[in-house]
């Protein structure tokens, strides 16, 4: 269930270009803060997802473009 919820969160973020860019910029400076922000978005949308679910999803299921920026933000994720 966690990865399904993380996928739903990912789809939500990807559907909002401005939010995607803001989270990307934040991740470059504050990866842990970005995870906190993602958890807050998930909570506001009624998605039950943990920090570990998000990290696992990004490490295993995300698309190539997402994996590329993860290399840049890897310090905290």
PDB file of N, CA and C in Angstrom:
ATOM      1  N   UNK A   1       0.821  -1.203   0.000  1.00  0.00           N
ATOM      2  CA  UNK A   1       0.000   0.000   0.000  1.00  0.00           C
ATOM      3  C   UNK A   1       0.857   1.254   0.000  1.00  0.00           C
ATOM      4  N   UNK A   2       1.968   1.255   0.713  1.00  0.00           N
ATOM      5  CA  UNK A   2       2.797   2.441   0.817  1.00  0.00           C
ATOM      6  C   UNK A   2       3.323   2.928  -0.512  1.00  0.00           C
ATOM      7  N   UNK A   3       3.780   1.983  -1.358  1.00  0.00           N
ATOM      8  CA  UNK A   3       4.304   2.398  -2.657  1.00  0.00           C
ATOM      9  C   UNK A   3       3.188   2.893  -3.565  1.00  0.00           C
ATOM     10  N   UNK A   4       1.983   2.334  -3.434  1.00  0.00           N
ATOM     11  CA  UNK A   4       0.847   2.834  -4.205  1.00  0.00           C
ATOM     12  C   UNK A   4       0.528   4.270  -3.804  1.00  0.00           C
ATOM     13  N   UNK A   5       0.571   4.543  -2.517  1.00  0.00           N
ATOM     14  CA  UNK A   5       0.314   5.893  -2.025  1.00  0.00           C
ATOM     15  C   UNK A   5       1.427   6.846  -2.461  1.00  0.00           C
ATOM     16  N   UNK A   6       2.665   6.362  -2.445  1.00  0.00           N
ATOM     17  CA  UNK A   6       3.785   7.180  -2.908  1.00  0.00           C
ATOM     18  C   UNK A   6       3.641   7.476  -4.394  1.00  0.00           C
ATOM     19  N   UNK A   7       3.170   6.501  -5.167  1.00  0.00           N
ATOM     20  CA  UNK A   7       2.922   6.715  -6.601  1.00  0.00           C
ATOM     21  C   UNK A   7       1.855   7.784  -6.788  1.00  0.00           C
ATOM     22  N   UNK A   8       0.796   7.720  -6.005  1.00  0.00           N
ATOM     23  CA  UNK A   8      -0.265   8.719  -6.096  1.00  0.00           C
ATOM     24  C   UNK A   8       0.274  10.107  -5.761  1.00  0.00           C
ATOM     25  N   UNK A   9       1.118  10.194  -4.751  1.00  0.00           N
ATOM     26  CA  UNK A   9       1.735  11.471  -4.385  1.00  0.00           C
ATOM     27  C   UNK A   9       2.620  11.968  -5.517  1.00  0.00           C
ATOM     28  N   UNK A  10       3.429  11.083  -6.079  1.00  0.00           N
ATOM     29  CA  UNK A  10       4.309  11.437  -7.188  1.00  0.00           C
ATOM     30  C   UNK A  10       3.487  11.960  -8.367  1.00  0.00           C
ATOM     31  N   UNK A  11       2.401  11.278  -8.707  1.00  0.00           N
ATOM     32  CA  UNK A  11       1.548  11.711  -9.811  1.00  0.00           C
ATOM     33  C   UNK A  11       0.950  13.085  -9.535  1.00  0.00           C
ATOM     34  N   UNK A  12       0.553  13.318  -8.301  1.00  0.00           N
ATOM     35  CA  UNK A  12      -0.003  14.609  -7.910  1.00  0.00           C
ATOM     36  C   UNK A  12       1.023  15.724  -8.104  1.00  0.00           C
ATOM     37  N   UNK A  13       2.235  15.492  -7.636  1.00  0.00           N
ATOM     38  CA  UNK A  13       3.295  16.500  -7.757  1.00  0.00           C
ATOM     39  C   UNK A  13       3.647  16.721  -9.222  1.00  0.00           C
ATOM     40  N   UNK A  14       3.797  15.647  -9.984  1.00  0.00           N
ATOM     41  CA  UNK A  14       4.159  15.768 -11.399  1.00  0.00           C
ATOM     42  C   UNK A  14       3.090  16.503 -12.193  1.00  0.00           C
ATOM     43  N   UNK A  15       1.855  16.463 -11.735  1.00  0.00           N
ATOM     44  CA  UNK A  15       0.771  17.147 -12.418  1.00  0.00           C
ATOM     45  C   UNK A  15       0.755  18.648 -12.192  1.00  0.00           C
ATOM     46  N   UNK A  16       1.578  19.134 -11.292  1.00  0.00           N
ATOM     47  CA  UNK A  16       1.650  20.564 -10.973  1.00  0.00           C
ATOM     48  C   UNK A  16       3.075  21.032 -11.248  1.00  0.00           C
ATOM     49  N   UNK A  17       3.276  21.619 -12.425  1.00  0.00           N
ATOM     50  CA  UNK A  17       4.622  21.997 -12.854  1.00  0.00           C
ATOM     51  C   UNK A  17       5.292  22.974 -11.890  1.00  0.00           C
ATOM     52  N   UNK A  18       4.538  23.932 -11.387  1.00  0.00           N
ATOM     53  CA  UNK A  18       5.104  24.906 -10.454  1.00  0.00           C
ATOM     54  C   UNK A  18       5.552  24.224  -9.156  1.00  0.00           C
ATOM     55  N   UNK A  19       4.742  23.331  -8.642  1.00  0.00           N
ATOM     56  CA  UNK A  19       5.094  22.591  -7.428  1.00  0.00           C
ATOM     57  C   UNK A  19       6.313  21.710  -7.678  1.00  0.00           C
ATOM     58  N   UNK A  20       6.344  21.045  -8.829  1.00  0.00           N
ATOM     59  CA  UNK A  20       7.486  20.194  -9.173  1.00  0.00           C
ATOM     60  C   UNK A  20       8.779  20.999  -9.154  1.00  0.00           C
ATOM     61  N   UNK A  21       8.761  22.167  -9.794  1.00  0.00           N
ATOM     62  CA  UNK A  21       9.965  23.015  -9.827  1.00  0.00           C
ATOM     63  C   UNK A  21      10.353  23.494  -8.437  1.00  0.00           C
ATOM     64  N   UNK A  22       9.372  23.887  -7.640  1.00  0.00           N
ATOM     65  CA  UNK A  22       9.665  24.369  -6.288  1.00  0.00           C
ATOM     66  C   UNK A  22      10.282  23.260  -5.432  1.00  0.00           C
ATOM     67  N   UNK A  23       9.742  22.057  -5.532  1.00  0.00           N
ATOM     68  CA  UNK A  23      10.291  20.940  -4.762  1.00  0.00           C
ATOM     69  C   UNK A  23      11.684  20.563  -5.249  1.00  0.00           C
ATOM     70  N   UNK A  24      11.913  20.636  -6.543  1.00  0.00           N
ATOM     71  CA  UNK A  24      13.238  20.358  -7.090  1.00  0.00           C
ATOM     72  C   UNK A  24      14.258  21.346  -6.532  1.00  0.00           C
ATOM     73  N   UNK A  25      13.911  22.638  -6.581  1.00  0.00           N
ATOM     74  CA  UNK A  25      14.835  23.658  -6.050  1.00  0.00           C
ATOM     75  C   UNK A  25      15.084  23.439  -4.564  1.00  0.00           C
ATOM     76  N   UNK A  26      14.044  23.128  -3.824  1.00  0.00           N
ATOM     77  CA  UNK A  26      14.201  22.882  -2.396  1.00  0.00           C
ATOM     78  C   UNK A  26      15.081  21.661  -2.158  1.00  0.00           C
ATOM     79  N   UNK A  27      14.899  20.616  -2.951  1.00  0.00           N
ATOM     80  CA  UNK A  27      15.669  19.380  -2.766  1.00  0.00           C
ATOM     81  C   UNK A  27      17.158  19.604  -2.951  1.00  0.00           C
ATOM     82  N   UNK A  28      17.519  20.529  -3.814  1.00  0.00           N
ATOM     83  CA  UNK A  28      18.939  20.813  -4.022  1.00  0.00           C
ATOM     84  C   UNK A  28      19.573  21.443  -2.790  1.00  0.00           C
ATOM     85  N   UNK A  29      18.785  22.193  -2.029  1.00  0.00           N
ATOM     86  CA  UNK A  29      19.294  22.890  -0.849  1.00  0.00           C
ATOM     87  C   UNK A  29      18.978  22.167   0.459  1.00  0.00           C
ATOM     88  N   UNK A  30      17.823  21.524   0.506  1.00  0.00           N
ATOM     89  CA  UNK A  30      17.323  20.956   1.762  1.00  0.00           C
ATOM     90  C   UNK A  30      16.534  19.670   1.491  1.00  0.00           C
ATOM     91  N   UNK A  31      17.226  18.570   1.177  1.00  0.00           N
ATOM     92  CA  UNK A  31      16.521  17.325   0.844  1.00  0.00           C
ATOM     93  C   UNK A  31      15.571  16.847   1.939  1.00  0.00           C
ATOM     94  N   UNK A  32      15.977  16.948   3.196  1.00  0.00           N
ATOM     95  CA  UNK A  32      15.098  16.500   4.285  1.00  0.00           C
ATOM     96  C   UNK A  32      13.859  17.379   4.380  1.00  0.00           C
ATOM     97  N   UNK A  33      14.036  18.667   4.163  1.00  0.00           N
ATOM     98  CA  UNK A  33      12.894  19.575   4.151  1.00  0.00           C
ATOM     99  C   UNK A  33      11.925  19.254   3.023  1.00  0.00           C
ATOM    100  N   UNK A  34      12.472  18.804   1.907  1.00  0.00           N
ATOM    101  CA  UNK A  34      11.626  18.405   0.784  1.00  0.00           C
ATOM    102  C   UNK A  34      10.796  17.184   1.152  1.00  0.00           C
ATOM    103  N   UNK A  35      11.408  16.229   1.819  1.00  0.00           N
ATOM    104  CA  UNK A  35      10.641  15.064   2.280  1.00  0.00           C
ATOM    105  C   UNK A  35       9.544  15.488   3.246  1.00  0.00           C
ATOM    106  N   UNK A  36       9.857  16.428   4.133  1.00  0.00           N
ATOM    107  CA  UNK A  36       8.840  16.940   5.055  1.00  0.00           C
ATOM    108  C   UNK A  36       7.694  17.584   4.280  1.00  0.00           C
ATOM    109  N   UNK A  37       8.032  18.351   3.255  1.00  0.00           N
ATOM    110  CA  UNK A  37       7.022  19.006   2.427  1.00  0.00           C
ATOM    111  C   UNK A  37       6.164  17.969   1.698  1.00  0.00           C
ATOM    112  N   UNK A  38       6.801  16.932   1.163  1.00  0.00           N
ATOM    113  CA  UNK A  38       6.053  15.867   0.491  1.00  0.00           C
ATOM    114  C   UNK A  38       5.102  15.164   1.458  1.00  0.00           C
ATOM    115  N   UNK A  39       5.562  14.935   2.681  1.00  0.00           N
ATOM    116  CA  UNK A  39       4.695  14.313   3.689  1.00  0.00           C
ATOM    117  C   UNK A  39       3.509  15.212   4.021  1.00  0.00           C
ATOM    118  N   UNK A  40       3.736  16.521   4.075  1.00  0.00           N
ATOM    119  CA  UNK A  40       2.651  17.461   4.351  1.00  0.00           C
ATOM    120  C   UNK A  40       1.638  17.468   3.203  1.00  0.00           C
ATOM    121  N   UNK A  41       2.128  17.423   1.973  1.00  0.00           N
ATOM    122  CA  UNK A  41       1.234  17.370   0.810  1.00  0.00           C
ATOM    123  C   UNK A  41       0.412  16.085   0.853  1.00  0.00           C
ATOM    124  N   UNK A  42       1.072  14.976   1.134  1.00  0.00           N
ATOM    125  CA  UNK A  42       0.374  13.689   1.215  1.00  0.00           C
ATOM    126  C   UNK A  42      -0.712  13.732   2.283  1.00  0.00           C
ATOM    127  N   UNK A  43      -0.376  14.275   3.439  1.00  0.00           N
ATOM    128  CA  UNK A  43      -1.343  14.362   4.535  1.00  0.00           C
ATOM    129  C   UNK A  43      -2.543  15.214   4.128  1.00  0.00           C
ATOM    130  N   UNK A  44      -2.281  16.346   3.476  1.00  0.00           N
ATOM    131  CA  UNK A  44      -3.358  17.237   3.047  1.00  0.00           C
ATOM    132  C   UNK A  44      -4.268  16.568   2.016  1.00  0.00           C
ATOM    133  N   UNK A  45      -3.725  15.625   1.263  1.00  0.00           N
ATOM    134  CA  UNK A  45      -4.497  14.920   0.240  1.00  0.00           C
ATOM    135  C   UNK A  45      -5.098  13.611   0.748  1.00  0.00           C
ATOM    136  N   UNK A  46      -4.866  13.317   2.024  1.00  0.00           N
ATOM    137  CA  UNK A  46      -5.412  12.098   2.607  1.00  0.00           C
ATOM    138  C   UNK A  46      -4.666  10.834   2.202  1.00  0.00           C
ATOM    139  N   UNK A  47      -3.422  10.991   1.790  1.00  0.00           N
ATOM    140  CA  UNK A  47      -2.605   9.841   1.406  1.00  0.00           C
ATOM    141  C   UNK A  47      -1.809   9.369   2.615  1.00  0.00           C
ATOM    142  N   UNK A  48      -1.841   8.083   2.862  1.00  0.00           N
ATOM    143  CA  UNK A  48      -1.078   7.509   3.972  1.00  0.00           C
ATOM    144  C   UNK A  48       0.258   7.024   3.434  1.00  0.00           C
ATOM    145  N   UNK A  49       1.268   7.864   3.582  1.00  0.00           N
ATOM    146  CA  UNK A  49       2.587   7.553   3.050  1.00  0.00           C
ATOM    147  C   UNK A  49       3.632   7.982   4.072  1.00  0.00           C
ATOM    148  N   UNK A  50       4.670   7.194   4.197  1.00  0.00           N
ATOM    149  CA  UNK A  50       5.736   7.509   5.146  1.00  0.00           C
ATOM    150  C   UNK A  50       6.965   8.027   4.401  1.00  0.00           C
ATOM    151  N   UNK A  51       7.880   8.572   5.149  1.00  0.00           N
ATOM    152  CA  UNK A  51       9.160   9.016   4.604  1.00  0.00           C
ATOM    153  C   UNK A  51       9.849   7.846   3.891  1.00  0.00           C
ATOM    154  N   UNK A  52       9.788   6.668   4.511  1.00  0.00           N
ATOM    155  CA  UNK A  52      10.414   5.475   3.936  1.00  0.00           C
ATOM    156  C   UNK A  52       9.727   5.062   2.638  1.00  0.00           C
ATOM    157  N   UNK A  53       8.391   5.206   2.583  1.00  0.00           N
ATOM    158  CA  UNK A  53       7.654   4.884   1.358  1.00  0.00           C
ATOM    159  C   UNK A  53       8.098   5.789   0.213  1.00  0.00           C
ATOM    160  N   UNK A  54       8.232   7.074   0.499  1.00  0.00           N
ATOM    161  CA  UNK A  54       8.651   8.026  -0.532  1.00  0.00           C
ATOM    162  C   UNK A  54      10.047   7.685  -1.022  1.00  0.00           C
ATOM    163  N   UNK A  55      10.954   7.457  -0.102  1.00  0.00           N
ATOM    164  CA  UNK A  55      12.329   7.137  -0.469  1.00  0.00           C
ATOM    165  C   UNK A  55      12.387   5.843  -1.271  1.00  0.00           C
ATOM    166  N   UNK A  56      11.661   4.824  -0.835  1.00  0.00           N
ATOM    167  CA  UNK A  56      11.650   3.547  -1.554  1.00  0.00           C
ATOM    168  C   UNK A  56      11.081   3.721  -2.956  1.00  0.00           C
ATOM    169  N   UNK A  57      10.007   4.489  -3.071  1.00  0.00           N
ATOM    170  CA  UNK A  57       9.412   4.726  -4.389  1.00  0.00           C
ATOM    171  C   UNK A  57      10.411   5.423  -5.308  1.00  0.00           C
ATOM    172  N   UNK A  58      11.029   6.470  -4.810  1.00  0.00           N
ATOM    173  CA  UNK A  58      11.979   7.212  -5.639  1.00  0.00           C
ATOM    174  C   UNK A  58      13.164   6.351  -6.054  1.00  0.00           C
ATOM    175  N   UNK A  59      13.585   5.460  -5.182  1.00  0.00           N
ATOM    176  CA  UNK A  59      14.735   4.606  -5.486  1.00  0.00           C
ATOM    177  C   UNK A  59      14.403   3.459  -6.430  1.00  0.00           C
ATOM    178  N   UNK A  60      13.130   3.056  -6.495  1.00  0.00           N
ATOM    179  CA  UNK A  60      12.802   1.863  -7.272  1.00  0.00           C
ATOM    180  C   UNK A  60      11.841   2.091  -8.427  1.00  0.00           C
ATOM    181  N   UNK A  61      10.950   3.043  -8.313  1.00  0.00           N
ATOM    182  CA  UNK A  61       9.855   3.135  -9.277  1.00  0.00           C
ATOM    183  C   UNK A  61       9.815   4.416 -10.092  1.00  0.00           C
ATOM    184  N   UNK A  62      10.521   5.424  -9.681  1.00  0.00           N
ATOM    185  CA  UNK A  62      10.435   6.719 -10.352  1.00  0.00           C
ATOM    186  C   UNK A  62      11.031   6.646 -11.754  1.00  0.00           C
ATOM    187  N   UNK A  63      10.632   7.585 -12.583  1.00  0.00           N
ATOM    188  CA  UNK A  63      11.129   7.609 -13.954  1.00  0.00           C
ATOM    189  C   UNK A  63      12.583   8.076 -14.017  1.00  0.00           C
ATOM    190  N   UNK A  64      13.170   7.981 -15.201  1.00  0.00           N
ATOM    191  CA  UNK A  64      14.590   8.304 -15.369  1.00  0.00           C
ATOM    192  C   UNK A  64      14.914   9.752 -15.008  1.00  0.00           C
ATOM    193  N   UNK A  65      14.053  10.689 -15.392  1.00  0.00           N
ATOM    194  CA  UNK A  65      14.313  12.098 -15.090  1.00  0.00           C
ATOM    195  C   UNK A  65      14.368  12.326 -13.583  1.00  0.00           C
ATOM    196  N   UNK A  66      13.473  11.689 -12.865  1.00  0.00           N
ATOM    197  CA  UNK A  66      13.468  11.824 -11.408  1.00  0.00           C
ATOM    198  C   UNK A  66      14.729  11.223 -10.818  1.00  0.00           C
ATOM    199  N   UNK A  67      15.110  10.065 -11.313  1.00  0.00           N
ATOM    200  CA  UNK A  67      16.333   9.441 -10.798  1.00  0.00           C
ATOM    201  C   UNK A  67      17.556  10.315 -11.061  1.00  0.00           C
ATOM    202  N   UNK A  68      17.582  11.024 -12.183  1.00  0.00           N
ATOM    203  CA  UNK A  68      18.718  11.899 -12.486  1.00  0.00           C
ATOM    204  C   UNK A  68      18.816  13.039 -11.484  1.00  0.00           C
ATOM    205  N   UNK A  69      17.705  13.666 -11.135  1.00  0.00           N
ATOM    206  CA  UNK A  69      17.819  14.761 -10.166  1.00  0.00           C
ATOM    207  C   UNK A  69      18.075  14.237  -8.773  1.00  0.00           C
ATOM    208  N   UNK A  70      17.705  12.986  -8.513  1.00  0.00           N
ATOM    209  CA  UNK A  70      18.031  12.398  -7.217  1.00  0.00           C
ATOM    210  C   UNK A  70      19.535  12.318  -7.006  1.00  0.00           C
ATOM    211  N   UNK A  71      20.269  12.116  -8.087  1.00  0.00           N
ATOM    212  CA  UNK A  71      21.729  12.092  -7.982  1.00  0.00           C
ATOM    213  C   UNK A  71      22.212  13.421  -7.408  1.00  0.00           C
ATOM    214  N   UNK A  72      21.598  14.520  -7.829  1.00  0.00           N
ATOM    215  CA  UNK A  72      21.983  15.846  -7.347  1.00  0.00           C
ATOM    216  C   UNK A  72      21.571  16.064  -5.896  1.00  0.00           C
ATOM    217  N   UNK A  73      20.419  15.540  -5.534  1.00  0.00           N
ATOM    218  CA  UNK A  73      19.880  15.797  -4.197  1.00  0.00           C
ATOM    219  C   UNK A  73      20.148  14.649  -3.231  1.00  0.00           C
ATOM    220  N   UNK A  74      20.941  13.702  -3.625  1.00  0.00           N
ATOM    221  CA  UNK A  74      21.131  12.462  -2.888  1.00  0.00           C
ATOM    222  C   UNK A  74      21.577  12.652  -1.442  1.00  0.00           C
ATOM    223  N   UNK A  75      22.200  13.734  -1.116  1.00  0.00           N
ATOM    224  CA  UNK A  75      22.732  13.921   0.220  1.00  0.00           C
ATOM    225  C   UNK A  75      21.763  13.621   1.344  1.00  0.00           C
ATOM    226  N   UNK A  76      20.503  14.004   1.220  1.00  0.00           N
ATOM    227  CA  UNK A  76      19.574  13.791   2.314  1.00  0.00           C
ATOM    228  C   UNK A  76      18.551  12.721   2.059  1.00  0.00           C
ATOM    229  N   UNK A  77      18.442  12.271   0.846  1.00  0.00           N
ATOM    230  CA  UNK A  77      17.456  11.243   0.543  1.00  0.00           C
ATOM    231  C   UNK A  77      18.093   9.897   0.703  1.00  0.00           C
TER     232      UNK A  77
END
